């Protein structure tokens, strides 16, 4: 079981609480040649999550990074246990370290411990760019 990083492989755009250029598109449209893709409006890269998040359109040089997940049926909890694919996280943290530190107290590059709550993008981000 996998999830995909919401960090675009082209220019490292990512969803923030204020704005997101990345969304899941279920249907084809003028700016979206494919259905059921992850679309980044900052440079129009499109990724197919059913095919390992491979690039199906746009300038992205590689697929989105996969987040490996494990499910514990006893507790019905999901755990992120690693990443797979293009490793762009070090570049991401170099580029956005100051901004991330302002938005998220503590060290944004520290390993995650404990648990977190997953929020739908609609509940997390105030404005989603629809291109």
N, C-alpha and C. Protein backbone atom coordinates (compact mmCIF):
# COMPACT_ATOMS: atom_id res chain seq x y z
N UNK A 1 0.86 -1.16 0.00
CA UNK A 1 0.00 0.00 0.00
C UNK A 1 0.91 1.23 0.00
N UNK A 2 0.56 2.21 -0.84
CA UNK A 2 1.35 3.44 -0.94
C UNK A 2 0.45 4.68 -0.97
N UNK A 3 1.06 5.78 -0.63
CA UNK A 3 0.51 7.11 -0.86
C UNK A 3 1.58 7.83 -1.66
N UNK A 4 1.29 8.99 -2.16
CA UNK A 4 2.29 9.73 -2.92
C UNK A 4 2.54 11.08 -2.28
N UNK A 5 3.78 11.50 -2.33
CA UNK A 5 4.16 12.80 -1.82
C UNK A 5 3.43 13.88 -2.61
N UNK A 6 3.00 14.92 -1.93
CA UNK A 6 2.34 16.05 -2.60
C UNK A 6 3.35 17.11 -3.00
N UNK A 7 4.62 16.73 -3.10
CA UNK A 7 5.67 17.64 -3.55
C UNK A 7 5.90 17.37 -5.03
N UNK A 8 5.57 18.35 -5.88
CA UNK A 8 5.74 18.18 -7.32
C UNK A 8 7.21 17.96 -7.66
N UNK A 9 7.47 17.00 -8.52
CA UNK A 9 8.84 16.64 -8.88
C UNK A 9 9.49 17.66 -9.82
N UNK A 10 8.75 18.65 -10.29
CA UNK A 10 9.33 19.62 -11.20
C UNK A 10 9.98 20.78 -10.44
N UNK A 11 9.18 21.61 -9.78
CA UNK A 11 9.73 22.77 -9.06
C UNK A 11 9.47 22.70 -7.56
N UNK A 12 9.11 21.52 -7.07
CA UNK A 12 8.91 21.26 -5.65
C UNK A 12 7.75 22.05 -5.06
N UNK A 13 6.73 22.37 -5.87
CA UNK A 13 5.52 23.00 -5.35
C UNK A 13 4.86 22.01 -4.39
N UNK A 14 4.23 22.54 -3.34
CA UNK A 14 3.57 21.68 -2.37
C UNK A 14 2.40 22.42 -1.74
N UNK A 15 1.41 21.71 -1.21
CA UNK A 15 0.26 22.37 -0.58
C UNK A 15 0.65 23.03 0.73
N UNK A 16 0.18 24.26 0.93
CA UNK A 16 0.36 24.95 2.20
C UNK A 16 -1.03 25.26 2.75
N UNK A 17 -1.10 25.81 3.93
CA UNK A 17 -2.41 26.17 4.49
C UNK A 17 -3.06 27.29 3.70
N UNK A 18 -2.25 28.10 3.01
CA UNK A 18 -2.80 29.23 2.26
C UNK A 18 -3.21 28.85 0.84
N UNK A 19 -2.40 28.03 0.15
CA UNK A 19 -2.66 27.76 -1.26
C UNK A 19 -2.08 26.40 -1.67
N UNK A 20 -2.76 25.77 -2.62
CA UNK A 20 -2.25 24.52 -3.18
C UNK A 20 -2.40 24.56 -4.70
N UNK A 21 -1.32 24.23 -5.37
CA UNK A 21 -1.36 24.10 -6.82
C UNK A 21 -1.56 22.64 -7.22
N UNK A 22 -1.60 21.74 -6.27
CA UNK A 22 -1.67 20.31 -6.53
C UNK A 22 -3.04 19.79 -6.11
N UNK A 23 -3.65 18.99 -6.99
CA UNK A 23 -4.95 18.39 -6.67
C UNK A 23 -5.14 17.12 -7.48
N UNK A 24 -6.12 16.35 -7.08
CA UNK A 24 -6.47 15.14 -7.82
C UNK A 24 -7.61 15.48 -8.76
N UNK A 25 -7.45 15.17 -10.03
CA UNK A 25 -8.46 15.47 -11.05
C UNK A 25 -9.11 14.18 -11.52
N UNK A 26 -10.40 14.10 -11.43
CA UNK A 26 -11.11 12.88 -11.81
C UNK A 26 -11.52 12.86 -13.27
N UNK A 27 -11.62 14.04 -13.89
CA UNK A 27 -12.10 14.10 -15.27
C UNK A 27 -11.15 14.87 -16.17
N UNK A 28 -11.25 14.61 -17.47
CA UNK A 28 -10.48 15.38 -18.45
C UNK A 28 -11.08 16.77 -18.57
N UNK A 29 -10.22 17.74 -18.91
CA UNK A 29 -10.68 19.12 -19.12
C UNK A 29 -9.70 19.78 -20.08
N UNK A 30 -9.90 21.07 -20.32
CA UNK A 30 -9.03 21.79 -21.26
C UNK A 30 -7.56 21.72 -20.85
N UNK A 31 -7.27 21.87 -19.57
CA UNK A 31 -5.89 21.83 -19.11
C UNK A 31 -5.47 20.48 -18.57
N UNK A 32 -6.33 19.50 -18.72
CA UNK A 32 -6.10 18.18 -18.14
C UNK A 32 -6.45 17.11 -19.17
N UNK A 33 -5.45 16.64 -19.89
CA UNK A 33 -5.69 15.67 -20.97
C UNK A 33 -6.06 14.29 -20.47
N UNK A 34 -5.77 14.01 -19.21
CA UNK A 34 -5.99 12.68 -18.66
C UNK A 34 -6.98 12.76 -17.50
N UNK A 35 -7.69 11.67 -17.26
CA UNK A 35 -8.59 11.57 -16.11
C UNK A 35 -7.89 10.81 -15.00
N UNK A 36 -8.32 11.04 -13.78
CA UNK A 36 -7.79 10.36 -12.59
C UNK A 36 -6.29 10.56 -12.44
N UNK A 37 -5.88 11.81 -12.44
CA UNK A 37 -4.46 12.15 -12.29
C UNK A 37 -4.26 13.15 -11.16
N UNK A 38 -3.04 13.18 -10.66
CA UNK A 38 -2.61 14.23 -9.74
C UNK A 38 -2.03 15.32 -10.63
N UNK A 39 -2.57 16.54 -10.51
CA UNK A 39 -2.23 17.64 -11.41
C UNK A 39 -1.60 18.77 -10.60
N UNK A 40 -0.45 19.27 -11.06
CA UNK A 40 0.20 20.43 -10.45
C UNK A 40 0.01 21.62 -11.39
N UNK A 41 -0.73 22.60 -10.93
CA UNK A 41 -1.02 23.77 -11.76
C UNK A 41 0.15 24.74 -11.89
N UNK A 42 1.20 24.60 -11.08
CA UNK A 42 2.29 25.56 -11.19
C UNK A 42 3.03 25.41 -12.51
N UNK A 43 3.14 24.21 -13.05
CA UNK A 43 3.80 24.00 -14.34
C UNK A 43 3.09 22.93 -15.18
N UNK A 44 1.93 22.49 -14.73
CA UNK A 44 1.07 21.53 -15.44
C UNK A 44 1.66 20.12 -15.59
N UNK A 45 2.38 19.69 -14.59
CA UNK A 45 2.80 18.28 -14.56
C UNK A 45 1.61 17.45 -14.10
N UNK A 46 1.45 16.28 -14.71
CA UNK A 46 0.38 15.37 -14.34
C UNK A 46 0.96 14.00 -14.07
N UNK A 47 0.45 13.36 -13.00
CA UNK A 47 0.97 12.08 -12.55
C UNK A 47 -0.18 11.08 -12.46
N UNK A 48 0.07 9.84 -12.87
CA UNK A 48 -0.95 8.79 -12.82
C UNK A 48 -0.73 7.94 -11.57
N UNK A 49 -1.57 8.10 -10.54
CA UNK A 49 -1.36 7.34 -9.31
C UNK A 49 -1.60 5.83 -9.49
N UNK A 50 -2.37 5.44 -10.49
CA UNK A 50 -2.61 4.01 -10.74
C UNK A 50 -1.40 3.34 -11.39
N UNK A 51 -0.43 4.13 -11.85
CA UNK A 51 0.76 3.60 -12.51
C UNK A 51 2.03 4.08 -11.79
N UNK A 52 2.01 4.05 -10.46
CA UNK A 52 3.20 4.44 -9.71
C UNK A 52 3.48 5.93 -9.73
N UNK A 53 2.46 6.75 -9.97
CA UNK A 53 2.58 8.22 -10.07
C UNK A 53 3.55 8.64 -11.16
N UNK A 54 3.59 7.86 -12.24
CA UNK A 54 4.46 8.21 -13.36
C UNK A 54 3.96 9.48 -14.02
N UNK A 55 4.86 10.20 -14.66
CA UNK A 55 4.52 11.45 -15.33
C UNK A 55 3.80 11.12 -16.63
N UNK A 56 2.60 11.67 -16.81
CA UNK A 56 1.85 11.47 -18.06
C UNK A 56 1.76 12.75 -18.88
N UNK A 57 2.12 13.89 -18.28
CA UNK A 57 2.13 15.16 -19.01
C UNK A 57 2.95 16.17 -18.21
N UNK A 58 3.49 17.15 -18.91
CA UNK A 58 4.19 18.24 -18.26
C UNK A 58 5.69 18.03 -18.14
N UNK A 59 6.36 19.00 -17.51
CA UNK A 59 7.82 19.01 -17.47
C UNK A 59 8.47 18.22 -16.33
N UNK A 60 7.70 17.62 -15.43
CA UNK A 60 8.31 16.91 -14.30
C UNK A 60 9.28 15.84 -14.81
N UNK A 61 10.47 15.75 -14.22
CA UNK A 61 11.48 14.81 -14.70
C UNK A 61 11.32 13.39 -14.16
N UNK A 62 10.46 13.21 -13.15
CA UNK A 62 10.33 11.89 -12.53
C UNK A 62 8.97 11.77 -11.85
N UNK A 63 8.56 10.55 -11.50
CA UNK A 63 7.29 10.37 -10.78
C UNK A 63 7.34 11.01 -9.39
N UNK A 64 6.16 11.13 -8.80
CA UNK A 64 6.11 11.56 -7.41
C UNK A 64 6.73 10.48 -6.54
N UNK A 65 7.32 10.88 -5.42
CA UNK A 65 7.87 9.90 -4.49
C UNK A 65 6.73 9.14 -3.82
N UNK A 66 6.91 7.84 -3.67
CA UNK A 66 5.91 7.01 -3.01
C UNK A 66 6.21 6.94 -1.51
N UNK A 67 5.17 7.00 -0.71
CA UNK A 67 5.29 6.83 0.74
C UNK A 67 4.76 5.43 1.03
N UNK A 68 5.62 4.56 1.51
CA UNK A 68 5.24 3.18 1.79
C UNK A 68 4.42 3.13 3.08
N UNK A 69 3.28 2.45 3.01
CA UNK A 69 2.35 2.39 4.14
C UNK A 69 2.15 0.95 4.59
N UNK A 70 1.91 0.78 5.87
CA UNK A 70 1.52 -0.52 6.42
C UNK A 70 0.26 -0.32 7.24
N UNK A 71 -0.63 -1.30 7.18
CA UNK A 71 -1.89 -1.26 7.92
C UNK A 71 -1.84 -2.28 9.05
N UNK A 72 -2.19 -1.85 10.25
CA UNK A 72 -2.30 -2.75 11.40
C UNK A 72 -3.77 -3.09 11.57
N UNK A 73 -4.20 -4.30 11.19
CA UNK A 73 -5.62 -4.64 11.28
C UNK A 73 -6.13 -4.68 12.72
N UNK A 74 -5.25 -4.90 13.68
CA UNK A 74 -5.66 -4.95 15.08
C UNK A 74 -6.12 -3.59 15.60
N UNK A 75 -5.44 -2.53 15.17
CA UNK A 75 -5.78 -1.18 15.62
C UNK A 75 -6.46 -0.36 14.53
N UNK A 76 -6.48 -0.89 13.31
CA UNK A 76 -6.99 -0.20 12.12
C UNK A 76 -6.26 1.12 11.89
N UNK A 77 -4.96 1.11 12.16
CA UNK A 77 -4.13 2.29 11.94
C UNK A 77 -3.20 2.05 10.77
N UNK A 78 -2.84 3.16 10.11
CA UNK A 78 -1.91 3.11 8.98
C UNK A 78 -0.62 3.80 9.40
N UNK A 79 0.51 3.19 9.03
CA UNK A 79 1.82 3.73 9.37
C UNK A 79 2.62 3.99 8.10
N UNK A 80 3.25 5.15 8.03
CA UNK A 80 4.21 5.43 6.96
C UNK A 80 5.53 4.82 7.41
N UNK A 81 6.11 3.95 6.58
CA UNK A 81 7.32 3.24 7.00
C UNK A 81 8.54 3.54 6.13
N UNK A 82 8.38 4.34 5.09
CA UNK A 82 9.52 4.68 4.25
C UNK A 82 9.09 5.36 2.97
N UNK A 83 10.07 5.67 2.15
CA UNK A 83 9.79 6.27 0.84
C UNK A 83 10.44 5.43 -0.24
N UNK A 84 9.92 5.60 -1.43
CA UNK A 84 10.41 4.85 -2.58
C UNK A 84 10.36 5.77 -3.79
N UNK A 85 11.39 5.71 -4.61
CA UNK A 85 11.38 6.52 -5.82
C UNK A 85 12.32 7.69 -5.72
N UNK A 86 12.09 8.66 -6.60
CA UNK A 86 12.96 9.82 -6.69
C UNK A 86 13.10 10.52 -5.36
N UNK A 87 14.30 10.63 -4.88
CA UNK A 87 14.57 11.25 -3.59
C UNK A 87 14.80 12.74 -3.78
N UNK A 88 13.77 13.53 -3.50
CA UNK A 88 13.88 14.98 -3.65
C UNK A 88 13.69 15.70 -2.33
N UNK A 89 13.58 14.94 -1.24
CA UNK A 89 13.28 15.57 0.04
C UNK A 89 14.41 16.46 0.55
N UNK A 90 15.67 16.08 0.36
CA UNK A 90 16.77 16.93 0.80
C UNK A 90 16.75 18.27 0.06
N UNK A 91 16.51 18.22 -1.24
CA UNK A 91 16.41 19.46 -2.03
C UNK A 91 15.22 20.30 -1.56
N UNK A 92 14.10 19.66 -1.28
CA UNK A 92 12.91 20.34 -0.80
C UNK A 92 13.20 21.08 0.51
N UNK A 93 13.83 20.39 1.47
CA UNK A 93 14.13 21.03 2.75
C UNK A 93 15.15 22.15 2.61
N UNK A 94 16.12 22.00 1.71
CA UNK A 94 17.07 23.11 1.47
C UNK A 94 16.33 24.33 0.93
N UNK A 95 15.42 24.10 -0.01
CA UNK A 95 14.72 25.20 -0.67
C UNK A 95 13.74 25.90 0.28
N UNK A 96 13.04 25.15 1.12
CA UNK A 96 11.95 25.71 1.93
C UNK A 96 12.21 25.69 3.44
N UNK A 97 13.43 25.43 3.87
CA UNK A 97 13.70 25.26 5.31
C UNK A 97 13.22 26.44 6.15
N UNK A 98 13.54 27.65 5.74
CA UNK A 98 13.14 28.82 6.53
C UNK A 98 11.63 28.95 6.60
N UNK A 99 10.97 28.83 5.47
CA UNK A 99 9.51 28.95 5.43
C UNK A 99 8.85 27.86 6.26
N UNK A 100 9.32 26.62 6.15
CA UNK A 100 8.75 25.51 6.92
C UNK A 100 8.94 25.73 8.42
N UNK A 101 10.10 26.25 8.81
CA UNK A 101 10.36 26.50 10.23
C UNK A 101 9.41 27.57 10.78
N UNK A 102 9.05 28.54 9.95
CA UNK A 102 8.10 29.58 10.38
C UNK A 102 6.69 28.99 10.53
N UNK A 103 6.31 28.11 9.62
CA UNK A 103 4.96 27.53 9.62
C UNK A 103 4.79 26.41 10.63
N UNK A 104 5.87 25.68 10.90
CA UNK A 104 5.80 24.50 11.76
C UNK A 104 6.91 24.60 12.81
N UNK A 105 6.56 24.97 14.04
CA UNK A 105 7.58 25.12 15.09
C UNK A 105 8.43 23.85 15.25
N UNK A 106 9.66 24.05 15.68
CA UNK A 106 10.58 22.94 15.82
C UNK A 106 11.39 22.79 14.54
N UNK A 107 12.05 21.70 14.41
CA UNK A 107 12.86 21.45 13.23
C UNK A 107 12.03 20.75 12.15
N UNK A 108 11.78 21.41 11.03
CA UNK A 108 10.96 20.78 9.99
C UNK A 108 11.64 19.57 9.35
N UNK A 109 12.92 19.41 9.56
CA UNK A 109 13.64 18.29 8.96
C UNK A 109 13.77 17.11 9.93
N UNK A 110 13.26 17.25 11.15
CA UNK A 110 13.37 16.19 12.15
C UNK A 110 12.48 15.00 11.76
N UNK A 111 12.90 13.83 12.16
CA UNK A 111 12.11 12.62 11.91
C UNK A 111 10.77 12.73 12.63
N UNK A 112 9.75 12.20 12.01
CA UNK A 112 8.41 12.23 12.58
C UNK A 112 8.32 11.17 13.67
N UNK A 113 7.68 11.52 14.76
CA UNK A 113 7.43 10.57 15.85
C UNK A 113 5.99 10.75 16.31
N UNK A 114 5.44 9.72 16.87
CA UNK A 114 4.08 9.82 17.36
C UNK A 114 3.08 9.60 16.25
N UNK A 115 1.98 10.34 16.32
CA UNK A 115 0.92 10.15 15.33
C UNK A 115 0.49 11.49 14.75
N UNK A 116 -0.31 11.42 13.71
CA UNK A 116 -0.83 12.64 13.11
C UNK A 116 -2.23 12.37 12.59
N UNK A 117 -2.92 13.43 12.33
CA UNK A 117 -4.26 13.34 11.77
C UNK A 117 -4.18 13.74 10.31
N UNK A 118 -4.76 12.95 9.44
CA UNK A 118 -4.79 13.25 8.02
C UNK A 118 -6.04 14.07 7.74
N UNK A 119 -5.84 15.20 7.05
CA UNK A 119 -6.95 16.08 6.71
C UNK A 119 -7.15 16.09 5.20
N UNK A 120 -8.39 16.06 4.72
CA UNK A 120 -8.62 16.27 3.28
C UNK A 120 -8.09 17.65 2.89
N UNK A 121 -7.57 17.75 1.67
CA UNK A 121 -7.01 19.03 1.21
C UNK A 121 -8.02 20.16 1.35
N UNK A 122 -9.30 19.88 1.09
CA UNK A 122 -10.34 20.91 1.21
C UNK A 122 -10.40 21.50 2.63
N UNK A 123 -10.08 20.68 3.64
CA UNK A 123 -10.12 21.14 5.03
C UNK A 123 -8.79 21.73 5.48
N UNK A 124 -7.73 21.52 4.73
CA UNK A 124 -6.40 21.98 5.12
C UNK A 124 -6.04 23.32 4.47
N UNK A 125 -6.32 23.45 3.20
CA UNK A 125 -5.87 24.59 2.40
C UNK A 125 -7.01 25.56 2.12
N UNK A 126 -6.74 26.86 2.34
CA UNK A 126 -7.78 27.88 2.11
C UNK A 126 -8.11 28.09 0.63
N UNK A 127 -7.12 27.94 -0.26
CA UNK A 127 -7.37 28.19 -1.68
C UNK A 127 -6.66 27.12 -2.51
N UNK A 128 -7.44 26.44 -3.34
CA UNK A 128 -6.87 25.48 -4.27
C UNK A 128 -6.94 26.07 -5.67
N UNK A 129 -5.79 26.14 -6.33
CA UNK A 129 -5.74 26.68 -7.68
C UNK A 129 -6.27 25.61 -8.62
N UNK A 130 -7.27 25.97 -9.39
CA UNK A 130 -7.85 25.07 -10.39
C UNK A 130 -7.53 25.62 -11.76
N UNK A 131 -6.62 24.98 -12.45
CA UNK A 131 -6.21 25.49 -13.76
C UNK A 131 -6.82 24.66 -14.87
